[in-house]
Amino acid sequence: MASVTLKEVSKSFGAYNVLRSVDLEIGDGEFIVFVGPSGCGKSTLLRVIAGLVPVSQGTVSIGGREVTDVPASRRGVAFVFQSYALYPHMNVARNISFALETARMTRAEIGRRLSKVADLLEIGHLLDRKPKQLSGGQRQRVAIGRALVGQPELFLFDEPLSNLDADLRMEMRFEIAKLHAEVGTTMIYVTHDQTEAMTLADRIVILNHGRIEQVGTPRQLYDHPVNRFVAGFLGSPRMNFAPVENSGTESVVTGPDGFALSLDRIGAKPPVTMGLRPETLRIVGPDEDNCIKGIFERVEDLGYEKIAYIRLGGDTIWTVRSAGAIPACEAGSRVGLKWADDDLYLFDSEDLRIELKTAPETASAGAGR
């Protein structure tokens, strides 16, 4: 196992800054997931750690040893790429053990390591097959086995499941989590899939425009996002947002139709942005007090849950997610939306989350059960 320390790591390609002064500490045996939108720098950061991309500035340390200028082959890391990159003319056994052969390891040691990896990944029955005879999931296991057989201090995964269908992705998520639990090696995993991030990670690193927005456990990031970007990135459907502005009085600000919030609860000057996760909303009648009014557009029935779409006005559409029943509504009918006070998020003019004060019992906030 090995810890990883990044200090003020930056990477530029010409005038384009891909990474901007990244600082990060990863502990021994942690499973860390880098996640963020396309172009945020997550794969570049992984390659910097691997030694495949040189840094423009900063230092990289693995296991307490600075490796900023150490070549990839001497960093003690194993890299699993998005593409399997298996040798088509070799069987599974040789694909896994080829690097050990080139390192002139004894046949006995190669056989011992191959057997251990095959048992761990449950691919012993595939050792004589060629890659073309394997399914996508089996090929990915072979690619992981090829990395595992070298007994690295650090595992790096770059979107390894993106080429698989939904069922195989779920199966392989389970296998990778089980692998980490069994071998205990530090793992860093890059994905654009927030489901993979939420289910696999000990901690998630959310990147945006080459910077770290927030680091924390999946639950910390979901419940306590530091800013609007993190709040909107995690969650499917994404968090609903709407502006809240001055109402013309000194004590109240207003949001969408029917919503009012006491300024006593806000530690920042308006305008601010309100946010509510789809699962915290419930649809009520349009005549109820203290609720946001909107137009019912449609509902998607996914079997295990339903997602309703409510137009608040213009191009603003909010989603309501429910594992139970959603009131029967005709498209174009007017409805209300309610929530609990504790479910409301507010963000200031710089998109940083505002810690709300406890709602007073007499407040006229557009919320409630």
Protein backbone atom coordinates (compact mmCIF):
# COMPACT_ATOMS: atom_id res chain seq x y z
CA MET A 1 0.00 0.00 0.00
CA ALA A 2 1.05 3.60 -0.54
CA SER A 3 -0.11 7.08 0.29
CA VAL A 4 -0.18 9.78 -2.40
CA THR A 5 0.58 13.45 -1.84
CA LEU A 6 0.10 16.16 -4.46
CA LYS A 7 1.39 19.66 -3.70
CA GLU A 8 0.51 22.60 -5.95
CA VAL A 9 0.39 20.36 -9.02
CA SER A 10 -0.26 22.25 -12.25
CA LYS A 11 -0.20 21.09 -15.84
CA SER A 12 -0.39 23.21 -18.97
CA PHE A 13 -0.42 22.27 -22.63
CA GLY A 14 0.78 25.44 -24.28
CA ALA A 15 -1.47 28.27 -23.14
CA TYR A 16 -4.16 25.86 -21.92
CA ASN A 17 -4.11 25.17 -18.17
CA VAL A 18 -5.48 21.68 -17.53
CA LEU A 19 -4.59 21.45 -13.83
CA ARG A 20 -4.38 24.47 -11.54
CA SER A 21 -2.43 24.16 -8.27
CA VAL A 22 -3.94 20.87 -7.07
CA ASP A 23 -3.28 19.87 -3.44
CA LEU A 24 -4.43 16.43 -2.31
CA GLU A 25 -3.60 13.85 0.38
CA ILE A 26 -4.58 10.20 -0.20
CA GLY A 27 -4.07 7.74 2.65
CA ASP A 28 -2.77 4.17 2.55
CA GLY A 29 -5.45 1.77 1.37
CA GLU A 30 -8.01 4.42 0.42
CA PHE A 31 -10.32 4.08 -2.54
CA ILE A 32 -10.43 7.56 -4.10
CA VAL A 33 -12.62 8.48 -7.06
CA PHE A 34 -11.94 11.49 -9.30
CA VAL A 35 -15.17 12.72 -10.86
CA GLY A 36 -16.22 15.77 -12.82
CA PRO A 37 -17.46 16.95 -16.22
CA SER A 38 -15.58 16.25 -19.45
CA GLY A 39 -12.43 18.34 -19.71
CA CYS A 40 -12.14 18.99 -15.97
CA GLY A 41 -8.65 17.41 -15.78
CA LYS A 42 -9.42 14.16 -13.93
CA SER A 43 -7.70 11.83 -16.42
CA THR A 44 -4.74 14.20 -16.74
CA LEU A 45 -4.35 14.20 -12.96
CA LEU A 46 -4.38 10.39 -12.94
CA ARG A 47 -1.67 10.32 -15.62
CA VAL A 48 0.40 12.81 -13.65
CA ILE A 49 0.31 10.45 -10.66
CA ALA A 50 1.24 7.53 -12.91
CA GLY A 51 4.16 9.44 -14.43
CA LEU A 52 2.74 9.29 -17.95
CA VAL A 53 2.37 13.08 -18.05
CA PRO A 54 5.05 15.38 -16.56
CA VAL A 55 3.92 18.17 -14.26
CA SER A 56 4.43 21.80 -15.20
CA GLN A 57 4.70 22.77 -11.55
CA GLY A 58 4.42 21.11 -8.14
CA THR A 59 5.44 17.77 -6.64
CA VAL A 60 4.09 14.21 -6.55
CA SER A 61 4.93 11.78 -3.76
CA ILE A 62 3.98 8.09 -3.47
CA GLY A 63 4.53 6.20 -0.25
CA GLY A 64 6.39 9.14 1.24
CA ARG A 65 8.88 9.22 -1.65
CA GLU A 66 8.90 12.14 -4.07
CA VAL A 67 8.49 10.77 -7.60
CA THR A 68 7.91 13.97 -9.57
CA ASP A 69 10.79 13.18 -11.95
CA VAL A 70 10.75 9.39 -11.57
CA PRO A 71 9.66 7.51 -14.73
CA ALA A 72 6.38 5.59 -14.68
CA SER A 73 8.11 2.20 -14.75
CA ARG A 74 9.77 2.90 -11.39
CA ARG A 75 6.80 4.32 -9.47
CA GLY A 76 5.30 1.01 -8.41
CA VAL A 77 1.91 1.76 -9.94
CA ALA A 78 -0.42 -0.26 -12.15
CA PHE A 79 -2.70 1.41 -14.69
CA VAL A 80 -5.99 -0.01 -15.99
CA PHE A 81 -7.09 1.89 -19.07
CA GLN A 82 -10.50 2.44 -20.62
CA SER A 83 -9.52 0.18 -23.52
CA TYR A 84 -8.53 -3.35 -22.57
CA ALA A 85 -5.40 -3.29 -24.79
CA LEU A 86 -5.00 -7.08 -24.65
CA TYR A 87 -2.63 -8.90 -26.99
CA PRO A 88 -4.98 -10.67 -29.46
CA HIS A 89 -2.48 -13.45 -30.31
CA MET A 90 -1.86 -14.41 -26.67
CA ASN A 91 -4.13 -16.40 -24.41
CA VAL A 92 -5.38 -15.00 -21.11
CA ALA A 93 -2.56 -16.58 -19.10
CA ARG A 94 0.17 -14.95 -21.20
CA ASN A 95 -1.68 -11.62 -21.36
CA ILE A 96 -1.60 -11.53 -17.58
CA SER A 97 1.93 -12.82 -17.08
CA PHE A 98 3.77 -11.30 -20.06
CA ALA A 99 5.22 -8.38 -18.06
CA LEU A 100 6.59 -10.88 -15.52
CA GLU A 101 8.23 -12.86 -18.33
CA THR A 102 9.94 -9.75 -19.71
CA ALA A 103 11.16 -9.00 -16.16
CA ARG A 104 12.84 -12.45 -16.24
CA MET A 105 10.93 -13.74 -13.25
CA THR A 106 11.18 -17.47 -12.58
CA ARG A 107 8.50 -19.74 -13.98
CA ALA A 108 7.60 -20.91 -10.49
CA GLU A 109 6.99 -17.36 -9.28
CA ILE A 110 5.06 -16.47 -12.43
CA GLY A 111 2.87 -19.54 -11.99
CA ARG A 112 2.26 -18.72 -8.33
CA ARG A 113 1.23 -15.14 -9.05
CA LEU A 114 -0.90 -16.12 -12.06
CA SER A 115 -2.76 -18.73 -10.03
CA LYS A 116 -3.39 -16.29 -7.19
CA VAL A 117 -4.73 -13.59 -9.53
CA ALA A 118 -6.87 -16.05 -11.49
CA ASP A 119 -8.45 -17.31 -8.27
CA LEU A 120 -9.02 -13.79 -6.96
CA LEU A 121 -10.74 -12.66 -10.17
CA GLU A 122 -12.43 -16.03 -10.80
CA ILE A 123 -10.98 -16.38 -14.31
CA GLY A 124 -9.08 -19.64 -13.88
CA HIS A 125 -11.32 -21.34 -16.45
CA LEU A 126 -10.46 -18.67 -19.04
CA LEU A 127 -6.66 -18.93 -18.99
CA ASP A 128 -6.40 -20.84 -22.30
CA ARG A 129 -8.78 -18.58 -24.22
CA LYS A 130 -7.85 -15.76 -26.60
CA PRO A 131 -9.30 -12.25 -26.04
CA LYS A 132 -11.71 -12.61 -28.99
CA GLN A 133 -13.36 -15.51 -27.14
CA LEU A 134 -14.15 -13.37 -24.08
CA SER A 135 -17.04 -11.09 -23.19
CA GLY A 136 -16.45 -7.43 -22.35
CA GLY A 137 -16.63 -8.12 -18.64
CA GLN A 138 -14.18 -11.01 -18.92
CA ARG A 139 -11.73 -8.87 -20.90
CA GLN A 140 -11.89 -6.20 -18.23
CA ARG A 141 -11.10 -8.80 -15.56
CA VAL A 142 -8.08 -9.89 -17.58
CA ALA A 143 -6.92 -6.26 -17.85
CA ILE A 144 -7.28 -5.88 -14.07
CA GLY A 145 -5.44 -9.19 -13.56
CA ARG A 146 -2.56 -7.98 -15.73
CA ALA A 147 -2.23 -4.96 -13.44
CA LEU A 148 -2.71 -6.97 -10.24
CA VAL A 149 -0.09 -9.62 -11.00
CA GLY A 150 2.72 -7.08 -10.67
CA GLN A 151 1.75 -6.52 -7.01
CA PRO A 152 1.78 -2.72 -7.32
CA GLU A 153 1.66 -0.28 -4.41
CA LEU A 154 -0.96 1.81 -6.19
CA PHE A 155 -3.80 0.99 -8.61
CA LEU A 156 -4.97 3.60 -11.11
CA PHE A 157 -8.21 3.11 -13.09
CA ASP A 158 -9.16 5.41 -15.97
CA GLU A 159 -12.89 4.92 -16.71
CA PRO A 160 -12.47 1.13 -16.92
CA LEU A 161 -16.19 0.34 -17.19
CA SER A 162 -17.31 2.90 -19.77
CA ASN A 163 -17.28 0.34 -22.62
CA LEU A 164 -19.60 -2.07 -20.80
CA ASP A 165 -23.38 -2.23 -20.83
CA ALA A 166 -25.39 -1.30 -17.74
CA ASP A 167 -25.65 -4.81 -16.27
CA LEU A 168 -21.94 -5.51 -16.70
CA ARG A 169 -21.02 -2.14 -15.21
CA MET A 170 -23.01 -2.99 -12.10
CA GLU A 171 -21.38 -6.41 -11.89
CA MET A 172 -17.88 -5.01 -12.34
CA ARG A 173 -18.48 -2.26 -9.77
CA PHE A 174 -19.17 -5.01 -7.27
CA GLU A 175 -16.06 -6.93 -8.35
CA ILE A 176 -13.78 -3.89 -8.09
CA ALA A 177 -15.15 -3.05 -4.63
CA LYS A 178 -14.60 -6.66 -3.55
CA LEU A 179 -11.08 -6.61 -5.00
CA HIS A 180 -10.21 -3.51 -2.99
CA ALA A 181 -11.57 -5.07 0.19
CA GLU A 182 -9.48 -8.21 -0.37
CA VAL A 183 -6.12 -6.75 -1.48
CA GLY A 184 -6.29 -3.46 0.47
CA THR A 185 -4.14 -1.62 -2.08
CA THR A 186 -4.59 2.13 -2.54
CA MET A 187 -6.82 2.72 -5.57
CA ILE A 188 -7.54 5.89 -7.54
CA TYR A 189 -10.42 5.65 -9.98
CA VAL A 190 -11.51 8.12 -12.66
CA THR A 191 -15.10 8.19 -13.90
CA HIS A 192 -17.72 10.53 -15.30
CA ASP A 193 -20.43 8.30 -13.80
CA GLN A 194 -21.58 9.63 -10.43
CA THR A 195 -23.16 6.26 -9.58
CA GLU A 196 -19.73 4.64 -9.76
CA ALA A 197 -18.31 7.46 -7.65
CA MET A 198 -21.01 7.24 -4.98
CA THR A 199 -20.93 3.44 -4.70
CA LEU A 200 -17.17 2.76 -4.89
CA ALA A 201 -15.41 5.63 -3.15
CA ASP A 202 -14.15 6.01 0.39
CA ARG A 203 -13.77 9.65 -0.64
CA ILE A 204 -14.70 11.52 -3.80
CA VAL A 205 -12.63 14.29 -5.38
CA ILE A 206 -14.81 16.58 -7.50
CA LEU A 207 -12.87 18.50 -10.14
CA ASN A 208 -13.94 21.41 -12.31
CA HIS A 209 -11.80 23.45 -14.71
CA GLY A 210 -8.62 21.86 -13.37
CA ARG A 211 -9.33 22.67 -9.73
CA ILE A 212 -10.62 20.60 -6.82
CA GLU A 213 -14.06 21.84 -5.81
CA GLN A 214 -14.52 19.53 -2.81
CA VAL A 215 -13.17 16.32 -1.26
CA GLY A 216 -15.21 14.15 1.07
CA THR A 217 -17.18 10.97 1.58
CA PRO A 218 -20.10 10.40 -0.80
CA ARG A 219 -22.59 11.28 1.95
CA GLN A 220 -20.68 14.43 2.96
CA LEU A 221 -20.66 15.73 -0.60
CA TYR A 222 -24.31 14.88 -1.20
CA ASP A 223 -25.62 16.38 2.04
CA HIS A 224 -23.13 19.22 2.52
CA PRO A 225 -21.93 20.53 -0.86
CA VAL A 226 -19.66 23.56 -0.53
CA ASN A 227 -21.06 25.30 -3.58
CA ARG A 228 -23.69 25.19 -6.28
CA PHE A 229 -21.49 23.26 -8.72
CA VAL A 230 -21.03 20.32 -6.33
CA ALA A 231 -24.71 20.42 -5.33
CA GLY A 232 -25.81 20.29 -8.95
CA PHE A 233 -23.25 17.72 -10.08
CA LEU A 234 -24.10 14.98 -7.58
CA GLY A 235 -27.63 13.61 -7.82
CA SER A 236 -29.80 12.28 -10.60
CA PRO A 237 -31.96 14.06 -11.51
CA ARG A 238 -29.84 17.07 -10.56
CA MET A 239 -30.78 19.55 -7.84
CA ASN A 240 -33.46 22.09 -8.77
CA PHE A 241 -32.37 25.74 -8.70
CA ALA A 242 -34.22 29.07 -8.79
CA PRO A 243 -33.24 32.68 -8.02
CA VAL A 244 -34.31 34.42 -4.81
CA GLU A 245 -34.26 38.22 -4.93
CA ASN A 246 -35.21 41.35 -2.99
CA SER A 247 -38.93 41.60 -2.38
CA GLY A 248 -39.10 45.31 -1.70
CA THR A 249 -39.26 44.83 2.07
CA GLU A 250 -36.40 44.82 4.55
CA SER A 251 -37.19 41.45 6.10
CA VAL A 252 -38.19 39.13 3.24
CA VAL A 253 -36.79 37.92 -0.07
CA THR A 254 -38.86 36.20 -2.72
CA GLY A 255 -38.32 33.35 -5.14
CA PRO A 256 -40.61 31.63 -7.64
CA ASP A 257 -44.36 32.18 -7.41
CA GLY A 258 -45.54 31.78 -3.82
CA PHE A 259 -42.13 31.49 -2.16
CA ALA A 260 -40.89 33.92 0.51
CA LEU A 261 -37.94 33.61 2.88
CA SER A 262 -37.08 35.62 5.97
CA LEU A 263 -33.78 37.48 5.70
CA ASP A 264 -33.10 36.48 9.31
CA ARG A 265 -32.19 33.00 8.04
CA ILE A 266 -29.65 34.17 5.44
CA GLY A 267 -26.10 35.15 6.23
CA ALA A 268 -25.58 36.85 2.88
CA LYS A 269 -27.13 39.68 0.94
CA PRO A 270 -29.59 38.83 -1.85
CA PRO A 271 -29.80 37.96 -4.63
CA VAL A 272 -29.19 34.30 -3.75
CA THR A 273 -30.07 30.98 -5.36
CA MET A 274 -32.29 28.36 -3.75
CA GLY A 275 -31.81 24.64 -4.36
CA LEU A 276 -33.95 21.58 -3.64
CA ARG A 277 -33.24 17.95 -4.48
CA PRO A 278 -36.00 16.22 -6.49
CA GLU A 279 -36.60 13.57 -3.80
CA THR A 280 -37.35 16.24 -1.17
CA LEU A 281 -40.27 17.76 -3.10
CA ARG A 282 -43.91 16.67 -3.02
CA ILE A 283 -46.74 17.73 -5.30
CA VAL A 284 -49.76 19.37 -3.65
CA GLY A 285 -52.80 21.29 -4.80
CA PRO A 286 -52.24 24.76 -6.27
CA ASP A 287 -54.40 26.40 -3.61
CA GLU A 288 -52.25 25.34 -0.64
CA ASP A 289 -50.41 28.07 1.24
CA ASN A 290 -46.64 28.48 1.32
CA CYS A 291 -45.75 26.51 -1.77
CA ILE A 292 -44.24 27.13 -5.20
CA LYS A 293 -46.76 27.09 -8.03
CA GLY A 294 -46.06 25.53 -11.41
CA ILE A 295 -47.49 23.74 -14.44
CA PHE A 296 -47.47 19.95 -14.54
CA GLU A 297 -45.74 18.81 -17.75
CA ARG A 298 -45.37 15.01 -17.62
CA VAL A 299 -44.36 12.06 -15.47
CA GLU A 300 -41.93 9.24 -16.20
CA ASP A 301 -42.80 5.91 -14.59
CA LEU A 302 -39.59 3.89 -14.15
CA GLY A 303 -41.25 1.13 -12.16
CA TYR A 304 -39.18 1.54 -8.99
CA GLU A 305 -39.69 5.31 -8.99
CA LYS A 306 -41.51 8.11 -10.76
CA ILE A 307 -40.11 11.43 -11.97
CA ALA A 308 -42.46 14.35 -12.59
CA TYR A 309 -41.58 17.53 -14.50
CA ILE A 310 -43.03 20.85 -13.31
CA ARG A 311 -42.59 24.09 -15.28
CA LEU A 312 -42.16 27.11 -13.02
CA GLY A 313 -42.15 29.60 -15.85
CA GLY A 314 -40.16 30.23 -19.02
CA ASP A 315 -37.48 27.57 -19.46
CA THR A 316 -37.28 26.67 -15.75
CA ILE A 317 -38.40 23.07 -15.20
CA TRP A 318 -38.10 21.33 -11.83
CA THR A 319 -38.15 17.59 -11.28
CA VAL A 320 -39.90 15.69 -8.49
CA ARG A 321 -38.64 12.19 -7.69
CA SER A 322 -40.79 9.74 -5.73
CA ALA A 323 -40.56 6.05 -4.89
CA GLY A 324 -44.27 6.11 -4.12
CA ALA A 325 -47.33 7.47 -5.87
CA ILE A 326 -47.39 10.86 -7.56
CA PRO A 327 -50.80 12.57 -7.63
CA ALA A 328 -52.62 12.06 -10.92
CA CYS A 329 -52.35 15.32 -12.84
CA GLU A 330 -53.23 16.28 -16.38
CA ALA A 331 -50.57 17.91 -18.52
CA GLY A 332 -50.98 21.66 -18.30
CA SER A 333 -52.69 21.62 -14.90
CA ARG A 334 -51.51 23.92 -12.13
CA VAL A 335 -49.89 22.33 -9.06
CA GLY A 336 -47.96 23.31 -5.95
CA LEU A 337 -44.61 22.08 -4.63
CA LYS A 338 -43.72 21.73 -0.94
CA TRP A 339 -40.66 20.59 1.04
CA ALA A 340 -39.31 20.47 4.58
CA ASP A 341 -37.33 23.44 5.89
CA ASP A 342 -34.24 21.29 6.47
CA ASP A 343 -34.17 20.26 2.80
CA LEU A 344 -33.65 23.79 1.47
CA TYR A 345 -30.22 24.87 0.19
CA LEU A 346 -29.20 28.46 -0.48
CA PHE A 347 -26.18 29.75 -2.41
CA ASP A 348 -24.78 33.27 -2.35
CA SER A 349 -23.85 35.49 -5.30
CA GLU A 350 -20.52 33.62 -5.62
CA ASP A 351 -22.34 30.24 -5.63
CA LEU A 352 -21.05 29.26 -2.17
CA ARG A 353 -23.51 27.43 0.08
CA ILE A 354 -25.08 29.48 2.86
CA GLU A 355 -25.60 27.85 6.24
CA LEU A 356 -29.24 28.61 7.06
CA LYS A 357 -30.33 29.50 10.54
CA THR A 358 -33.16 27.52 12.13
CA ALA A 359 -36.46 28.61 10.65
CA PRO A 360 -38.55 30.57 13.17
CA GLU A 361 -41.98 29.09 13.85
CA THR A 362 -43.69 32.21 12.53
CA ALA A 363 -41.65 32.46 9.35
CA SER A 364 -43.46 32.75 6.05
CA ALA A 365 -41.09 30.43 4.19
CA GLY A 366 -42.64 28.60 1.25
CA ALA A 367 -42.08 25.21 2.76
CA GLY A 368 -43.49 22.67 5.10
CA ARG A 369 -45.11 19.28 5.30
